[in-house]
Amino acid sequence: MNLVERDALCRRRRMRLFLGGLLATLIPATAIAQPITSSNFVGVESPLFENGAWVAITSLSPQGTRFQKNNGAFPDRIVGPDQNHAGARTTAVIPADHYSEIVVGHVGNDRNNVGPIVRVQTSGPTIDSHYLWWASLTTGVNGLFRIDANGTTFIHPRIVGTSPVVDGDRLRLIARGQVIYGIKNGVRDFIYNTGPDTTKYPTGTTGILAFPTGPALTDAMIASWSSGAAPVSSGTWTSSTFAGTENPLDEGDRWYPLPTYSGFRKAGSLAIGQDGGHNASGVWSITPPARQYSEVTLGSVPSGGGGPIVRIDRSSPGQTGWLLFLWVDNPAFSGIYKMNPDGSFTGVRVLRYSPKARRRWYCRFKEGKGSF
């Protein structure tokens, strides 16, 4: 069997559950390649240079704060009147889809931050712009930010919230296609699809950032850093029974949310939509063939619905694909829908059967025709 990209959408009411499982044989999750470059920041150096391995990010430091190293990387000064961040990007050749990973050395209080950065712009009018995983203590500022810089100034729109950190946490920020996501200590912490964003950075390099308030300079310290290629798809089929608990749904870097959607979590062998309206996710751990199918088993729910999706375009800034939607409490609207990039749905065929829990439903795309 060739299994389609395992995708599903849910319209969830009152936090109801809908998907019970996907059928097929399980394949190993995708793996991240070995680092292209890394540093343990051994020795003493100010500013951080390491034989040309680093270039300073200056837009976020009007008074000239830079990274130094002394068995860890941390800012070389605490200075005003502006907020001065220590930032540096690698000079190594990094692919467009990549990761940047740090081990938190020390965060002294909730006014100090450290973080990995990806898709750093190295030239042009948006130089120094990037995506940042900004990490602090429980009462500090924690989130995924997009830094829009121009060489001298910057703005920092917040995208999603993230969990707080403690010393020793390992934070891996990954840029893969349109998606930016973070893994903390081996567990996915957040994920965001930049597809519909007006401002976004599809390429760039990687690096690190820190903000010091003291009292000690080492209160915003990074213990180590590495960077390499992001995961890639492999194989043509996969499956899940949604065993265990995850929020957000990850399963070894298998799932990603479609543009404009928050995606899913899992609990009790069910996939559960994150939001109260529609939720849609795709699988990128595989490369499905053009002739493909996706199959789901509905969970026992009194309302809402969901179903399998085929033919998703991962590069589209909006939703794409063909959805077999099964609406439990409104079966007249069950059927095949085309998912349009503008967020709308076009009905193609009405389902003549009432959806029932624990039945398997699949959507197949073969020779330009959809069927179920």
Protein backbone atom coordinates (compact mmCIF):
# COMPACT_ATOMS: atom_id res chain seq x y z
CA MET A 1 0.00 0.00 0.00
CA ASN A 2 1.10 3.53 -0.70
CA LEU A 3 -0.27 5.76 1.99
CA VAL A 4 -1.08 9.40 1.37
CA GLU A 5 0.33 12.17 3.42
CA ARG A 6 -1.54 11.50 6.65
CA ASP A 7 -3.67 14.58 7.04
CA ALA A 8 -6.85 15.41 8.89
CA LEU A 9 -9.17 18.31 9.66
CA CYS A 10 -11.56 18.76 12.55
CA ARG A 11 -14.38 21.12 13.34
CA ARG A 12 -14.49 20.80 17.11
CA ARG A 13 -17.32 21.96 19.40
CA ARG A 14 -17.03 22.19 23.17
CA MET A 15 -13.57 20.57 23.12
CA ARG A 16 -14.92 17.33 21.64
CA LEU A 17 -12.60 14.59 20.38
CA PHE A 18 -12.89 13.23 16.88
CA LEU A 19 -10.11 11.08 15.45
CA GLY A 20 -9.52 7.63 16.79
CA GLY A 21 -6.68 6.37 14.62
CA LEU A 22 -5.01 6.04 11.24
CA LEU A 23 -4.31 2.69 9.66
CA ALA A 24 -1.15 1.43 7.98
CA THR A 25 2.32 0.33 8.96
CA LEU A 26 4.43 2.65 11.06
CA ILE A 27 7.75 3.89 9.69
CA PRO A 28 10.56 5.52 11.69
CA ALA A 29 10.29 9.23 12.38
CA THR A 30 12.50 11.64 10.50
CA ALA A 31 15.89 12.41 11.98
CA ILE A 32 17.95 15.57 12.03
CA ALA A 33 21.36 15.39 10.41
CA GLN A 34 24.60 15.94 12.29
CA PRO A 35 25.51 19.59 12.99
CA ILE A 36 27.21 21.58 10.27
CA THR A 37 28.84 23.81 12.86
CA SER A 38 28.89 24.11 16.64
CA SER A 39 30.65 25.71 19.60
CA ASN A 40 31.08 25.03 23.31
CA PHE A 41 32.52 28.53 23.74
CA VAL A 42 35.65 27.18 25.41
CA GLY A 43 38.30 29.76 26.28
CA VAL A 44 38.22 33.53 26.67
CA GLU A 45 37.52 35.98 23.86
CA SER A 46 35.89 39.39 23.52
CA PRO A 47 34.21 40.05 21.20
CA LEU A 48 33.16 36.56 20.14
CA PHE A 49 34.94 35.68 16.90
CA GLU A 50 36.32 32.10 17.01
CA ASN A 51 38.58 32.43 13.98
CA GLY A 52 35.94 34.12 11.85
CA ALA A 53 33.07 31.82 12.78
CA TRP A 54 30.83 34.68 13.98
CA VAL A 55 29.56 38.06 12.73
CA ALA A 56 27.87 40.50 15.10
CA ILE A 57 24.18 41.38 14.73
CA THR A 58 24.18 45.15 15.23
CA SER A 59 20.58 46.28 14.62
CA LEU A 60 19.55 45.21 18.12
CA SER A 61 22.45 46.92 19.86
CA PRO A 62 22.60 50.68 19.25
CA GLN A 63 25.21 51.18 21.98
CA GLY A 64 27.43 48.33 20.77
CA THR A 65 26.79 45.34 23.05
CA ARG A 66 28.47 42.19 21.68
CA PHE A 67 28.89 38.58 22.69
CA GLN A 68 32.03 37.53 24.52
CA LYS A 69 33.02 34.04 25.63
CA ASN A 70 34.49 32.63 28.80
CA ASN A 71 33.47 28.96 28.84
CA GLY A 72 30.06 30.14 27.72
CA ALA A 73 28.74 32.99 25.53
CA PHE A 74 27.26 36.07 27.20
CA PRO A 75 27.01 39.86 26.62
CA ASP A 76 30.11 41.98 27.13
CA ARG A 77 28.30 44.91 28.77
CA ILE A 78 25.07 46.20 30.26
CA VAL A 79 24.56 49.62 28.75
CA GLY A 80 21.80 52.12 27.82
CA PRO A 81 19.93 54.22 27.16
CA ASP A 82 18.42 51.78 24.63
CA GLN A 83 17.86 48.08 25.09
CA ASN A 84 21.04 46.46 23.87
CA HIS A 85 21.07 42.80 22.86
CA ALA A 86 24.14 40.71 22.19
CA GLY A 87 23.65 38.93 18.88
CA ALA A 88 25.80 36.91 16.51
CA ARG A 89 25.26 34.86 13.36
CA THR A 90 27.36 32.06 11.99
CA THR A 91 29.54 32.45 8.90
CA ALA A 92 29.17 28.76 8.04
CA VAL A 93 27.16 27.80 4.97
CA ILE A 94 23.73 26.76 6.28
CA PRO A 95 20.84 25.49 4.10
CA ALA A 96 17.57 27.43 3.90
CA ASP A 97 15.83 24.78 6.01
CA HIS A 98 17.85 24.53 9.19
CA TYR A 99 17.98 24.49 12.96
CA SER A 100 19.75 26.51 15.63
CA GLU A 101 20.17 24.90 19.04
CA ILE A 102 21.44 26.23 22.36
CA VAL A 103 21.93 24.83 25.81
CA VAL A 104 20.85 27.41 28.37
CA GLY A 105 23.90 28.19 30.50
CA HIS A 106 22.36 30.52 33.04
CA VAL A 107 19.37 32.87 33.27
CA GLY A 108 19.80 34.85 36.46
CA ASN A 109 16.30 36.33 36.78
CA ASP A 110 13.15 37.03 34.79
CA ARG A 111 14.65 40.15 33.18
CA ASN A 112 17.40 38.21 31.40
CA ASN A 113 16.86 36.23 28.17
CA VAL A 114 18.74 33.94 25.81
CA GLY A 115 17.68 32.24 22.61
CA PRO A 116 18.53 30.55 19.31
CA ILE A 117 17.72 32.36 16.05
CA VAL A 118 17.00 31.13 12.51
CA ARG A 119 16.57 32.60 9.02
CA VAL A 120 18.90 35.51 9.87
CA GLN A 121 19.14 37.98 6.98
CA THR A 122 22.77 38.73 6.13
CA SER A 123 22.39 41.64 3.69
CA GLY A 124 19.98 44.07 2.08
CA PRO A 125 17.29 46.30 3.62
CA THR A 126 16.21 43.57 6.08
CA ILE A 127 19.70 42.75 7.36
CA ASP A 128 19.72 41.22 10.88
CA SER A 129 16.02 40.23 10.64
CA HIS A 130 15.27 36.71 11.92
CA TYR A 131 13.02 34.42 13.95
CA LEU A 132 13.86 34.17 17.66
CA TRP A 133 12.97 31.73 20.41
CA TRP A 134 13.18 34.09 23.38
CA ALA A 135 13.58 32.22 26.66
CA SER A 136 13.53 33.28 30.30
CA LEU A 137 12.21 32.15 33.68
CA THR A 138 8.55 31.51 34.52
CA THR A 139 7.70 35.17 35.14
CA GLY A 140 9.86 36.45 32.28
CA VAL A 141 9.19 36.99 28.58
CA ASN A 142 8.92 33.70 26.69
CA GLY A 143 7.83 33.40 23.07
CA LEU A 144 8.55 33.00 19.40
CA PHE A 145 9.24 36.41 17.87
CA ARG A 146 9.84 37.68 14.36
CA ILE A 147 12.55 40.33 14.45
CA ASP A 148 12.17 42.85 11.61
CA ALA A 149 15.42 44.82 11.40
CA ASN A 150 17.06 47.17 8.92
CA GLY A 151 20.67 47.48 10.09
CA THR A 152 20.08 50.16 12.71
CA THR A 153 16.68 49.57 14.32
CA PHE A 154 14.17 46.77 14.76
CA ILE A 155 10.64 45.80 15.78
CA HIS A 156 9.71 42.51 17.39
CA PRO A 157 6.17 41.20 16.80
CA ARG A 158 5.37 38.23 19.04
CA ILE A 159 4.02 35.17 17.22
CA VAL A 160 3.23 32.51 19.85
CA GLY A 161 3.93 31.90 23.51
CA THR A 162 6.48 29.34 24.68
CA SER A 163 7.25 27.61 27.95
CA PRO A 164 9.79 29.00 30.47
CA VAL A 165 13.26 27.53 30.85
CA VAL A 166 15.77 26.58 33.51
CA ASP A 167 19.54 26.29 33.31
CA GLY A 168 20.58 23.28 31.27
CA ASP A 169 17.54 23.21 28.98
CA ARG A 170 18.25 22.37 25.35
CA LEU A 171 16.33 24.56 22.88
CA ARG A 172 16.25 23.69 19.18
CA LEU A 173 14.57 26.22 16.88
CA ILE A 174 13.79 24.79 13.44
CA ALA A 175 12.88 26.52 10.17
CA ARG A 176 11.45 24.05 7.67
CA GLY A 177 9.68 25.42 4.62
CA GLN A 178 7.05 27.85 5.85
CA VAL A 179 7.00 26.38 9.35
CA ILE A 180 8.92 27.57 12.43
CA TYR A 181 8.88 25.34 15.49
CA GLY A 182 10.77 24.64 18.70
CA ILE A 183 11.84 21.50 20.52
CA LYS A 184 12.79 21.72 24.20
CA ASN A 185 14.66 18.80 25.71
CA GLY A 186 13.47 16.55 22.88
CA VAL A 187 9.77 17.54 23.10
CA ARG A 188 7.99 19.89 20.71
CA ASP A 189 7.14 23.11 22.56
CA PHE A 190 5.39 25.12 19.81
CA ILE A 191 4.85 25.24 16.05
CA TYR A 192 3.71 28.00 13.69
CA ASN A 193 3.04 28.15 9.94
CA THR A 194 4.16 31.48 8.47
CA GLY A 195 2.34 30.87 5.16
CA PRO A 196 -0.24 33.68 5.36
CA ASP A 197 2.13 36.23 6.96
CA THR A 198 2.76 39.38 4.93
CA THR A 199 6.33 39.58 6.25
CA LYS A 200 8.32 36.35 6.36
CA TYR A 201 11.85 35.12 5.80
CA PRO A 202 12.11 31.98 3.63
CA THR A 203 15.92 31.81 3.71
CA GLY A 204 18.81 32.96 5.89
CA THR A 205 21.34 31.66 8.36
CA THR A 206 21.46 30.89 12.10
CA GLY A 207 22.85 32.32 15.32
CA ILE A 208 22.25 33.34 18.94
CA LEU A 209 20.87 36.26 20.94
CA ALA A 210 20.96 37.34 24.59
CA PHE A 211 19.64 40.27 26.62
CA PRO A 212 21.39 41.21 29.89
CA THR A 213 20.06 43.14 32.84
CA GLY A 214 22.42 41.65 35.40
CA PRO A 215 23.44 42.01 38.03
CA ALA A 216 26.13 39.76 36.49
CA LEU A 217 26.89 39.57 32.75
CA THR A 218 26.71 35.78 33.04
CA ASP A 219 23.04 36.04 34.05
CA ALA A 220 22.25 35.74 30.31
CA MET A 221 24.62 32.97 29.24
CA ILE A 222 24.54 30.29 26.55
CA ALA A 223 26.52 27.15 27.36
CA SER A 224 26.77 25.73 23.82
CA TRP A 225 25.36 26.08 20.32
CA SER A 226 25.00 24.00 17.18
CA SER A 227 23.37 24.33 13.77
CA GLY A 228 22.57 22.07 10.85
CA ALA A 229 19.99 21.00 8.30
CA ALA A 230 16.32 20.61 9.22
CA PRO A 231 14.61 17.21 8.97
CA VAL A 232 13.55 15.97 5.54
CA SER A 233 10.74 13.72 4.36
CA SER A 234 11.39 10.05 3.65
CA GLY A 235 9.24 7.07 2.69
CA THR A 236 5.76 7.09 1.15
CA TRP A 237 3.47 5.92 3.95
CA THR A 238 2.98 6.17 7.68
CA SER A 239 0.28 5.83 10.36
CA SER A 240 -0.72 6.70 13.91
CA THR A 241 -3.05 5.46 16.63
CA PHE A 242 -2.41 8.66 18.62
CA ALA A 243 -1.18 6.76 21.65
CA GLY A 244 0.11 8.84 24.55
CA THR A 245 -0.23 12.55 25.28
CA GLU A 246 1.29 15.48 23.36
CA ASN A 247 0.52 19.15 23.03
CA PRO A 248 1.13 20.15 20.31
CA LEU A 249 0.87 16.93 18.27
CA ASP A 250 4.34 15.95 17.10
CA GLU A 251 4.99 12.16 17.09
CA GLY A 252 8.65 12.34 16.24
CA ASP A 253 8.36 15.38 13.95
CA ARG A 254 5.59 13.80 11.88
CA TRP A 255 2.89 16.51 11.97
CA TYR A 256 2.67 20.21 11.08
CA PRO A 257 -0.30 22.64 11.02
CA LEU A 258 -1.60 23.89 7.70
CA PRO A 259 -1.53 27.69 7.15
CA THR A 260 -3.87 29.66 9.47
CA TYR A 261 -4.48 26.60 11.70
CA SER A 262 -3.19 25.76 15.17
CA GLY A 263 -3.24 22.01 14.55
CA PHE A 264 -3.86 19.27 17.10
CA ARG A 265 -2.91 17.76 20.41
CA LYS A 266 -3.39 14.12 21.37
CA ALA A 267 -4.73 12.35 24.45
CA GLY A 268 -6.56 9.09 25.10
CA SER A 269 -5.65 7.66 21.67
CA LEU A 270 -7.45 10.55 19.98
CA ALA A 271 -6.35 13.62 18.01
CA ILE A 272 -8.03 16.78 19.33
CA GLY A 273 -8.23 20.14 17.60
CA GLN A 274 -6.46 22.99 19.35
CA ASP A 275 -9.08 25.60 18.44
CA GLY A 276 -12.87 25.74 18.67
CA GLY A 277 -13.34 26.03 14.89
CA HIS A 278 -11.54 24.24 12.13
CA ASN A 279 -8.17 22.58 12.70
CA ALA A 280 -6.03 21.04 9.97
CA SER A 281 -2.65 19.30 10.01
CA GLY A 282 -0.48 17.54 7.47
CA VAL A 283 2.30 15.00 7.72
CA TRP A 284 5.75 15.86 6.44
CA SER A 285 7.66 12.81 7.62
CA ILE A 286 6.86 11.18 4.27
CA THR A 287 6.80 12.08 0.57
CA PRO A 288 3.51 10.63 -0.67
CA PRO A 289 3.06 9.53 -4.31
CA ALA A 290 0.70 11.41 -6.64
CA ARG A 291 -1.79 8.52 -6.36
CA GLN A 292 -2.55 8.58 -2.68
CA TYR A 293 -5.07 8.04 0.05
CA SER A 294 -5.65 9.10 3.65
CA GLU A 295 -7.75 7.14 6.12
CA VAL A 296 -9.18 7.93 9.56
CA THR A 297 -11.29 6.22 12.20
CA LEU A 298 -13.78 8.58 13.83
CA GLY A 299 -13.89 8.78 17.60
CA SER A 300 -17.12 8.64 19.63
CA VAL A 301 -18.40 12.23 19.75
CA PRO A 302 -21.89 13.77 19.91
CA SER A 303 -21.05 16.81 17.77
CA GLY A 304 -18.54 18.28 15.38
CA GLY A 305 -16.64 16.23 12.84
CA GLY A 306 -13.51 15.69 10.86
CA GLY A 307 -11.91 13.60 8.17
CA PRO A 308 -8.93 12.78 5.96
CA ILE A 309 -7.25 15.14 3.47
CA VAL A 310 -5.22 14.42 0.33
CA ARG A 311 -3.16 16.48 -2.13
CA ILE A 312 -1.83 19.16 0.20
CA ASP A 313 0.63 21.65 -1.30
CA ARG A 314 3.14 22.27 1.50
CA SER A 315 4.47 25.43 -0.19
CA SER A 316 1.12 27.20 -0.50
CA PRO A 317 0.60 30.26 1.74
CA GLY A 318 -3.01 29.14 2.28
CA GLN A 319 -4.81 25.86 2.85
CA THR A 320 -4.92 23.33 0.00
CA GLY A 321 -6.13 19.79 -0.53
CA TRP A 322 -9.25 17.66 -0.85
CA LEU A 323 -11.16 16.90 2.33
CA LEU A 324 -13.61 14.13 3.10
CA PHE A 325 -15.55 15.88 5.88
CA LEU A 326 -17.74 13.82 8.20
CA TRP A 327 -20.10 15.97 10.30
CA VAL A 328 -21.57 13.86 13.11
CA ASP A 329 -24.53 16.03 14.17
CA ASN A 330 -25.19 17.61 10.75
CA PRO A 331 -24.71 14.75 8.27
CA ALA A 332 -26.34 16.62 5.38
CA PHE A 333 -23.14 18.67 5.09
CA SER A 334 -20.85 15.62 5.06
CA GLY A 335 -19.00 15.10 1.78
CA ILE A 336 -15.91 15.91 -0.30
CA TYR A 337 -14.72 19.50 -0.22
CA LYS A 338 -11.96 21.35 -2.04
CA MET A 339 -9.88 23.38 0.42
CA ASN A 340 -9.17 26.78 -1.16
CA PRO A 341 -6.13 28.96 -0.34
CA ASP A 342 -8.39 31.84 0.73
CA GLY A 343 -9.72 29.69 3.60
CA SER A 344 -13.02 28.75 1.97
CA PHE A 345 -14.35 25.29 1.10
CA THR A 346 -16.05 24.26 -2.14
CA GLY A 347 -18.44 21.32 -1.94
CA VAL A 348 -17.82 18.70 -4.62
CA ARG A 349 -19.92 15.71 -3.58
CA VAL A 350 -22.47 15.09 -0.83
CA LEU A 351 -22.07 12.00 1.31
CA ARG A 352 -25.17 9.78 1.24
CA TYR A 353 -24.38 8.07 4.53
CA SER A 354 -24.51 9.28 8.13
CA PRO A 355 -21.04 9.28 9.73
CA LYS A 356 -20.69 6.76 12.54
CA ALA A 357 -18.02 6.48 15.19
CA ARG A 358 -15.35 3.77 14.98
CA ARG A 359 -15.86 3.31 11.26
CA ARG A 360 -12.92 3.76 8.93
CA TRP A 361 -13.19 6.45 6.26
CA TYR A 362 -10.67 7.21 3.57
CA CYS A 363 -10.19 9.75 0.82
CA ARG A 364 -8.29 8.65 -2.29
CA PHE A 365 -6.85 10.69 -5.13
CA LYS A 366 -6.26 8.67 -8.28
CA GLU A 367 -5.70 9.87 -11.85
CA GLY A 368 -7.10 13.33 -11.14
CA LYS A 369 -10.27 12.10 -9.46
CA GLY A 370 -11.23 12.10 -5.80
CA SER A 371 -13.19 9.23 -4.28
CA PHE A 372 -14.24 7.90 -0.88
